[in-house]
């Protein structure tokens, strides 16, 4: 049995199709453009092909905002 010990590199993994919110997306399976959008994936309403959502960042409870100013605890 072969075990791959190389680390995963996204740059070398090739083209990955994804659903882009706010854009006109066509299904790679059937060509239609009606989607049922969830939190992590979007599913074609006609053939059921599921695609990961590519929104370009983190949202929700995992998002941290910084103002760029250091906090001064000792005044």
PDB file of N, CA and C in Angstrom:
ATOM      1  N   UNK A   1       0.839  -1.169   0.000  1.00  0.00           N
ATOM      2  CA  UNK A   1       0.000   0.000   0.000  1.00  0.00           C
ATOM      3  C   UNK A   1       0.887   1.236   0.000  1.00  0.00           C
ATOM      4  N   UNK A   2       0.519   2.249  -0.782  1.00  0.00           N
ATOM      5  CA  UNK A   2       1.307   3.468  -0.911  1.00  0.00           C
ATOM      6  C   UNK A   2       0.707   4.574  -0.055  1.00  0.00           C
ATOM      7  N   UNK A   3       1.538   5.208   0.742  1.00  0.00           N
ATOM      8  CA  UNK A   3       1.119   6.360   1.538  1.00  0.00           C
ATOM      9  C   UNK A   3       1.863   7.582   1.045  1.00  0.00           C
ATOM     10  N   UNK A   4       1.130   8.600   0.691  1.00  0.00           N
ATOM     11  CA  UNK A   4       1.729   9.834   0.213  1.00  0.00           C
ATOM     12  C   UNK A   4       2.199  10.645   1.419  1.00  0.00           C
ATOM     13  N   UNK A   5       3.474  10.909   1.499  1.00  0.00           N
ATOM     14  CA  UNK A   5       4.025  11.647   2.637  1.00  0.00           C
ATOM     15  C   UNK A   5       4.296  13.105   2.308  1.00  0.00           C
ATOM     16  N   UNK A   6       4.015  13.520   1.070  1.00  0.00           N
ATOM     17  CA  UNK A   6       4.237  14.909   0.691  1.00  0.00           C
ATOM     18  C   UNK A   6       3.122  15.790   1.256  1.00  0.00           C
ATOM     19  N   UNK A   7       3.472  17.004   1.627  1.00  0.00           N
ATOM     20  CA  UNK A   7       2.486  17.956   2.144  1.00  0.00           C
ATOM     21  C   UNK A   7       1.589  18.438   1.015  1.00  0.00           C
ATOM     22  N   UNK A   8       0.339  18.742   1.342  1.00  0.00           N
ATOM     23  CA  UNK A   8      -0.601  19.250   0.355  1.00  0.00           C
ATOM     24  C   UNK A   8      -0.232  20.683  -0.006  1.00  0.00           C
ATOM     25  N   UNK A   9      -0.148  20.969  -1.295  1.00  0.00           N
ATOM     26  CA  UNK A   9       0.127  22.308  -1.784  1.00  0.00           C
ATOM     27  C   UNK A   9      -1.002  22.706  -2.719  1.00  0.00           C
ATOM     28  N   UNK A  10      -1.782  23.711  -2.329  1.00  0.00           N
ATOM     29  CA  UNK A  10      -2.929  24.133  -3.135  1.00  0.00           C
ATOM     30  C   UNK A  10      -2.501  24.666  -4.497  1.00  0.00           C
ATOM     31  N   UNK A  11      -1.344  25.294  -4.569  1.00  0.00           N
ATOM     32  CA  UNK A  11      -0.868  25.854  -5.833  1.00  0.00           C
ATOM     33  C   UNK A  11      -0.581  24.772  -6.865  1.00  0.00           C
ATOM     34  N   UNK A  12      -0.233  23.585  -6.420  1.00  0.00           N
ATOM     35  CA  UNK A  12       0.091  22.485  -7.332  1.00  0.00           C
ATOM     36  C   UNK A  12      -1.072  21.526  -7.548  1.00  0.00           C
ATOM     37  N   UNK A  13      -2.237  21.835  -6.998  1.00  0.00           N
ATOM     38  CA  UNK A  13      -3.345  20.885  -7.079  1.00  0.00           C
ATOM     39  C   UNK A  13      -4.214  21.062  -8.315  1.00  0.00           C
ATOM     40  N   UNK A  14      -3.993  22.102  -9.108  1.00  0.00           N
ATOM     41  CA  UNK A  14      -4.753  22.290 -10.327  1.00  0.00           C
ATOM     42  C   UNK A  14      -5.965  23.184 -10.151  1.00  0.00           C
ATOM     43  N   UNK A  15      -6.786  23.237 -11.186  1.00  0.00           N
ATOM     44  CA  UNK A  15      -7.967  24.100 -11.197  1.00  0.00           C
ATOM     45  C   UNK A  15      -9.067  23.488 -10.344  1.00  0.00           C
ATOM     46  N   UNK A  16      -9.655  24.284  -9.475  1.00  0.00           N
ATOM     47  CA  UNK A  16     -10.765  23.829  -8.638  1.00  0.00           C
ATOM     48  C   UNK A  16     -11.961  24.720  -8.887  1.00  0.00           C
ATOM     49  N   UNK A  17     -13.034  24.129  -9.319  1.00  0.00           N
ATOM     50  CA  UNK A  17     -14.250  24.882  -9.607  1.00  0.00           C
ATOM     51  C   UNK A  17     -14.950  25.197  -8.289  1.00  0.00           C
ATOM     52  N   UNK A  18     -15.546  26.395  -8.187  1.00  0.00           N
ATOM     53  CA  UNK A  18     -16.209  26.817  -6.960  1.00  0.00           C
ATOM     54  C   UNK A  18     -17.356  27.759  -7.299  1.00  0.00           C
ATOM     55  N   UNK A  19     -18.281  27.900  -6.379  1.00  0.00           N
ATOM     56  CA  UNK A  19     -19.401  28.827  -6.505  1.00  0.00           C
ATOM     57  C   UNK A  19     -18.944  30.187  -5.987  1.00  0.00           C
ATOM     58  N   UNK A  20     -19.181  31.233  -6.768  1.00  0.00           N
ATOM     59  CA  UNK A  20     -18.785  32.584  -6.398  1.00  0.00           C
ATOM     60  C   UNK A  20     -20.033  33.420  -6.124  1.00  0.00           C
ATOM     61  N   UNK A  21     -20.293  33.777  -4.859  1.00  0.00           N
ATOM     62  CA  UNK A  21     -21.471  34.581  -4.538  1.00  0.00           C
ATOM     63  C   UNK A  21     -21.419  35.938  -5.235  1.00  0.00           C
ATOM     64  N   UNK A  22     -22.570  36.398  -5.696  1.00  0.00           N
ATOM     65  CA  UNK A  22     -22.653  37.692  -6.364  1.00  0.00           C
ATOM     66  C   UNK A  22     -22.319  37.647  -7.841  1.00  0.00           C
ATOM     67  N   UNK A  23     -21.972  36.479  -8.370  1.00  0.00           N
ATOM     68  CA  UNK A  23     -21.660  36.328  -9.783  1.00  0.00           C
ATOM     69  C   UNK A  23     -22.645  35.360 -10.419  1.00  0.00           C
ATOM     70  N   UNK A  24     -22.710  35.362 -11.742  1.00  0.00           N
ATOM     71  CA  UNK A  24     -23.576  34.438 -12.471  1.00  0.00           C
ATOM     72  C   UNK A  24     -22.826  33.118 -12.622  1.00  0.00           C
ATOM     73  N   UNK A  25     -23.287  32.083 -11.920  1.00  0.00           N
ATOM     74  CA  UNK A  25     -22.613  30.786 -11.892  1.00  0.00           C
ATOM     75  C   UNK A  25     -23.412  29.764 -12.701  1.00  0.00           C
ATOM     76  N   UNK A  26     -22.724  29.051 -13.576  1.00  0.00           N
ATOM     77  CA  UNK A  26     -23.330  27.959 -14.332  1.00  0.00           C
ATOM     78  C   UNK A  26     -22.877  26.640 -13.731  1.00  0.00           C
ATOM     79  N   UNK A  27     -23.781  25.689 -13.663  1.00  0.00           N
ATOM     80  CA  UNK A  27     -23.464  24.374 -13.127  1.00  0.00           C
ATOM     81  C   UNK A  27     -22.535  23.632 -14.085  1.00  0.00           C
ATOM     82  N   UNK A  28     -21.443  23.043 -13.589  1.00  0.00           N
ATOM     83  CA  UNK A  28     -20.557  22.270 -14.463  1.00  0.00           C
ATOM     84  C   UNK A  28     -21.176  20.947 -14.905  1.00  0.00           C
ATOM     85  N   UNK A  29     -22.232  20.502 -14.209  1.00  0.00           N
ATOM     86  CA  UNK A  29     -22.868  19.232 -14.556  1.00  0.00           C
ATOM     87  C   UNK A  29     -23.925  19.348 -15.638  1.00  0.00           C
ATOM     88  N   UNK A  30     -24.778  20.405 -15.539  1.00  0.00           N
ATOM     89  CA  UNK A  30     -25.897  20.498 -16.480  1.00  0.00           C
ATOM     90  C   UNK A  30     -25.992  21.850 -17.192  1.00  0.00           C
ATOM     91  N   UNK A  31     -25.247  22.854 -16.753  1.00  0.00           N
ATOM     92  CA  UNK A  31     -25.249  24.149 -17.418  1.00  0.00           C
ATOM     93  C   UNK A  31     -26.307  25.114 -16.927  1.00  0.00           C
ATOM     94  N   UNK A  32     -27.189  24.676 -16.031  1.00  0.00           N
ATOM     95  CA  UNK A  32     -28.231  25.561 -15.499  1.00  0.00           C
ATOM     96  C   UNK A  32     -27.618  26.545 -14.503  1.00  0.00           C
ATOM     97  N   UNK A  33     -28.415  27.526 -14.068  1.00  0.00           N
ATOM     98  CA  UNK A  33     -27.867  28.536 -13.156  1.00  0.00           C
ATOM     99  C   UNK A  33     -28.768  28.804 -11.955  1.00  0.00           C
ATOM    100  N   UNK A  34     -29.510  27.795 -11.493  1.00  0.00           N
ATOM    101  CA  UNK A  34     -30.333  27.917 -10.288  1.00  0.00           C
ATOM    102  C   UNK A  34     -29.663  27.133  -9.170  1.00  0.00           C
ATOM    103  N   UNK A  35     -29.429  27.814  -8.036  1.00  0.00           N
ATOM    104  CA  UNK A  35     -28.651  27.235  -6.962  1.00  0.00           C
ATOM    105  C   UNK A  35     -29.385  27.300  -5.639  1.00  0.00           C
ATOM    106  N   UNK A  36     -29.173  26.304  -4.808  1.00  0.00           N
ATOM    107  CA  UNK A  36     -29.589  26.323  -3.412  1.00  0.00           C
ATOM    108  C   UNK A  36     -28.306  26.548  -2.619  1.00  0.00           C
ATOM    109  N   UNK A  37     -28.213  27.727  -1.995  1.00  0.00           N
ATOM    110  CA  UNK A  37     -26.971  28.134  -1.349  1.00  0.00           C
ATOM    111  C   UNK A  37     -27.069  27.920   0.150  1.00  0.00           C
ATOM    112  N   UNK A  38     -26.090  27.219   0.695  1.00  0.00           N
ATOM    113  CA  UNK A  38     -25.996  26.990   2.134  1.00  0.00           C
ATOM    114  C   UNK A  38     -24.844  27.782   2.724  1.00  0.00           C
ATOM    115  N   UNK A  39     -24.350  27.326   3.865  1.00  0.00           N
ATOM    116  CA  UNK A  39     -23.236  28.021   4.517  1.00  0.00           C
ATOM    117  C   UNK A  39     -21.899  27.673   3.905  1.00  0.00           C
ATOM    118  N   UNK A  40     -21.723  26.407   3.516  1.00  0.00           N
ATOM    119  CA  UNK A  40     -20.422  25.950   3.016  1.00  0.00           C
ATOM    120  C   UNK A  40     -20.448  25.559   1.542  1.00  0.00           C
ATOM    121  N   UNK A  41     -21.613  25.117   1.040  1.00  0.00           N
ATOM    122  CA  UNK A  41     -21.717  24.668  -0.343  1.00  0.00           C
ATOM    123  C   UNK A  41     -22.943  25.253  -1.014  1.00  0.00           C
ATOM    124  N   UNK A  42     -22.919  25.227  -2.331  1.00  0.00           N
ATOM    125  CA  UNK A  42     -24.071  25.592  -3.150  1.00  0.00           C
ATOM    126  C   UNK A  42     -24.399  24.387  -4.010  1.00  0.00           C
ATOM    127  N   UNK A  43     -25.692  24.027  -4.082  1.00  0.00           N
ATOM    128  CA  UNK A  43     -26.115  22.842  -4.812  1.00  0.00           C
ATOM    129  C   UNK A  43     -26.999  23.243  -5.981  1.00  0.00           C
ATOM    130  N   UNK A  44     -26.744  22.661  -7.138  1.00  0.00           N
ATOM    131  CA  UNK A  44     -27.553  22.929  -8.320  1.00  0.00           C
ATOM    132  C   UNK A  44     -28.967  22.435  -8.074  1.00  0.00           C
ATOM    133  N   UNK A  45     -29.959  23.271  -8.368  1.00  0.00           N
ATOM    134  CA  UNK A  45     -31.352  22.908  -8.139  1.00  0.00           C
ATOM    135  C   UNK A  45     -31.853  21.886  -9.157  1.00  0.00           C
ATOM    136  N   UNK A  46     -31.145  21.688 -10.250  1.00  0.00           N
ATOM    137  CA  UNK A  46     -31.592  20.759 -11.284  1.00  0.00           C
ATOM    138  C   UNK A  46     -30.953  19.379 -11.158  1.00  0.00           C
ATOM    139  N   UNK A  47     -29.627  19.326 -11.065  1.00  0.00           N
ATOM    140  CA  UNK A  47     -28.960  18.014 -11.074  1.00  0.00           C
ATOM    141  C   UNK A  47     -28.341  17.639  -9.733  1.00  0.00           C
ATOM    142  N   UNK A  48     -28.262  18.573  -8.780  1.00  0.00           N
ATOM    143  CA  UNK A  48     -27.739  18.256  -7.458  1.00  0.00           C
ATOM    144  C   UNK A  48     -26.236  18.336  -7.318  1.00  0.00           C
ATOM    145  N   UNK A  49     -25.524  18.862  -8.329  1.00  0.00           N
ATOM    146  CA  UNK A  49     -24.083  19.024  -8.220  1.00  0.00           C
ATOM    147  C   UNK A  49     -23.771  20.037  -7.124  1.00  0.00           C
ATOM    148  N   UNK A  50     -22.901  19.689  -6.190  1.00  0.00           N
ATOM    149  CA  UNK A  50     -22.547  20.579  -5.093  1.00  0.00           C
ATOM    150  C   UNK A  50     -21.158  21.169  -5.322  1.00  0.00           C
ATOM    151  N   UNK A  51     -21.038  22.468  -5.077  1.00  0.00           N
ATOM    152  CA  UNK A  51     -19.765  23.167  -5.205  1.00  0.00           C
ATOM    153  C   UNK A  51     -19.448  23.888  -3.906  1.00  0.00           C
ATOM    154  N   UNK A  52     -18.169  23.955  -3.536  1.00  0.00           N
ATOM    155  CA  UNK A  52     -17.809  24.751  -2.359  1.00  0.00           C
ATOM    156  C   UNK A  52     -17.979  26.227  -2.662  1.00  0.00           C
ATOM    157  N   UNK A  53     -18.330  27.003  -1.655  1.00  0.00           N
ATOM    158  CA  UNK A  53     -18.514  28.443  -1.837  1.00  0.00           C
ATOM    159  C   UNK A  53     -17.175  29.128  -1.646  1.00  0.00           C
ATOM    160  N   UNK A  54     -16.789  29.934  -2.630  1.00  0.00           N
ATOM    161  CA  UNK A  54     -15.552  30.691  -2.569  1.00  0.00           C
ATOM    162  C   UNK A  54     -15.917  32.140  -2.313  1.00  0.00           C
ATOM    163  N   UNK A  55     -15.895  32.548  -1.039  1.00  0.00           N
ATOM    164  CA  UNK A  55     -16.257  33.920  -0.729  1.00  0.00           C
ATOM    165  C   UNK A  55     -15.048  34.774  -0.399  1.00  0.00           C
ATOM    166  N   UNK A  56     -13.866  34.223  -0.437  1.00  0.00           N
ATOM    167  CA  UNK A  56     -12.662  35.007  -0.295  1.00  0.00           C
ATOM    168  C   UNK A  56     -12.257  35.379   1.111  1.00  0.00           C
ATOM    169  N   UNK A  57     -12.868  34.820   2.120  1.00  0.00           N
ATOM    170  CA  UNK A  57     -12.436  35.163   3.465  1.00  0.00           C
ATOM    171  C   UNK A  57     -13.277  34.514   4.530  1.00  0.00           C
ATOM    172  N   UNK A  58     -13.015  34.888   5.761  1.00  0.00           N
ATOM    173  CA  UNK A  58     -13.721  34.354   6.903  1.00  0.00           C
ATOM    174  C   UNK A  58     -14.873  35.265   7.270  1.00  0.00           C
ATOM    175  N   UNK A  59     -15.934  34.674   7.762  1.00  0.00           N
ATOM    176  CA  UNK A  59     -17.060  35.470   8.218  1.00  0.00           C
ATOM    177  C   UNK A  59     -17.635  34.812   9.459  1.00  0.00           C
ATOM    178  N   UNK A  60     -18.447  35.554  10.175  1.00  0.00           N
ATOM    179  CA  UNK A  60     -19.097  35.002  11.355  1.00  0.00           C
ATOM    180  C   UNK A  60     -18.235  35.121  12.595  1.00  0.00           C
ATOM    181  N   UNK A  61     -18.363  34.159  13.491  1.00  0.00           N
ATOM    182  CA  UNK A  61     -17.701  34.215  14.794  1.00  0.00           C
ATOM    183  C   UNK A  61     -16.178  34.097  14.685  1.00  0.00           C
ATOM    184  N   UNK A  62     -15.653  33.588  13.597  1.00  0.00           N
ATOM    185  CA  UNK A  62     -14.212  33.432  13.463  1.00  0.00           C
ATOM    186  C   UNK A  62     -13.502  34.654  12.931  1.00  0.00           C
ATOM    187  N   UNK A  63     -14.246  35.731  12.656  1.00  0.00           N
ATOM    188  CA  UNK A  63     -13.654  36.928  12.078  1.00  0.00           C
ATOM    189  C   UNK A  63     -13.177  37.871  13.172  1.00  0.00           C
ATOM    190  N   UNK A  64     -11.938  38.309  13.069  1.00  0.00           N
ATOM    191  CA  UNK A  64     -11.376  39.242  14.036  1.00  0.00           C
ATOM    192  C   UNK A  64     -11.058  40.546  13.325  1.00  0.00           C
ATOM    193  N   UNK A  65     -11.505  41.642  13.883  1.00  0.00           N
ATOM    194  CA  UNK A  65     -11.210  42.960  13.329  1.00  0.00           C
ATOM    195  C   UNK A  65     -10.153  43.638  14.185  1.00  0.00           C
ATOM    196  N   UNK A  66      -9.191  44.283  13.546  1.00  0.00           N
ATOM    197  CA  UNK A  66      -8.204  45.061  14.270  1.00  0.00           C
ATOM    198  C   UNK A  66      -8.234  46.476  13.743  1.00  0.00           C
ATOM    199  N   UNK A  67      -7.990  47.419  14.621  1.00  0.00           N
ATOM    200  CA  UNK A  67      -8.009  48.818  14.211  1.00  0.00           C
ATOM    201  C   UNK A  67      -6.629  49.310  13.800  1.00  0.00           C
ATOM    202  N   UNK A  68      -5.605  48.511  14.014  1.00  0.00           N
ATOM    203  CA  UNK A  68      -4.260  48.914  13.680  1.00  0.00           C
ATOM    204  C   UNK A  68      -3.579  49.697  14.786  1.00  0.00           C
ATOM    205  N   UNK A  69      -4.304  50.026  15.827  1.00  0.00           N
ATOM    206  CA  UNK A  69      -3.751  50.766  16.957  1.00  0.00           C
ATOM    207  C   UNK A  69      -3.435  49.792  18.092  1.00  0.00           C
ATOM    208  N   UNK A  70      -2.264  49.910  18.690  1.00  0.00           N
ATOM    209  CA  UNK A  70      -1.950  49.015  19.815  1.00  0.00           C
ATOM    210  C   UNK A  70      -2.765  49.398  21.054  1.00  0.00           C
ATOM    211  N   UNK A  71      -3.177  48.405  21.798  1.00  0.00           N
ATOM    212  CA  UNK A  71      -3.893  48.655  23.039  1.00  0.00           C
ATOM    213  C   UNK A  71      -2.902  49.084  24.111  1.00  0.00           C
ATOM    214  N   UNK A  72      -3.215  50.161  24.821  1.00  0.00           N
ATOM    215  CA  UNK A  72      -2.340  50.579  25.918  1.00  0.00           C
ATOM    216  C   UNK A  72      -3.037  50.254  27.224  1.00  0.00           C
ATOM    217  N   UNK A  73      -2.586  49.188  27.847  1.00  0.00           N
ATOM    218  CA  UNK A  73      -3.179  48.742  29.092  1.00  0.00           C
ATOM    219  C   UNK A  73      -2.641  49.539  30.280  1.00  0.00           C
ATOM    220  N   UNK A  74      -1.394  49.943  30.198  1.00  0.00           N
ATOM    221  CA  UNK A  74      -0.784  50.718  31.287  1.00  0.00           C
ATOM    222  C   UNK A  74      -0.744  52.182  30.880  1.00  0.00           C
ATOM    223  N   UNK A  75      -1.471  53.012  31.601  1.00  0.00           N
ATOM    224  CA  UNK A  75      -1.525  54.429  31.236  1.00  0.00           C
ATOM    225  C   UNK A  75      -0.709  55.282  32.155  1.00  0.00           C
TER     226      UNK A  75
END
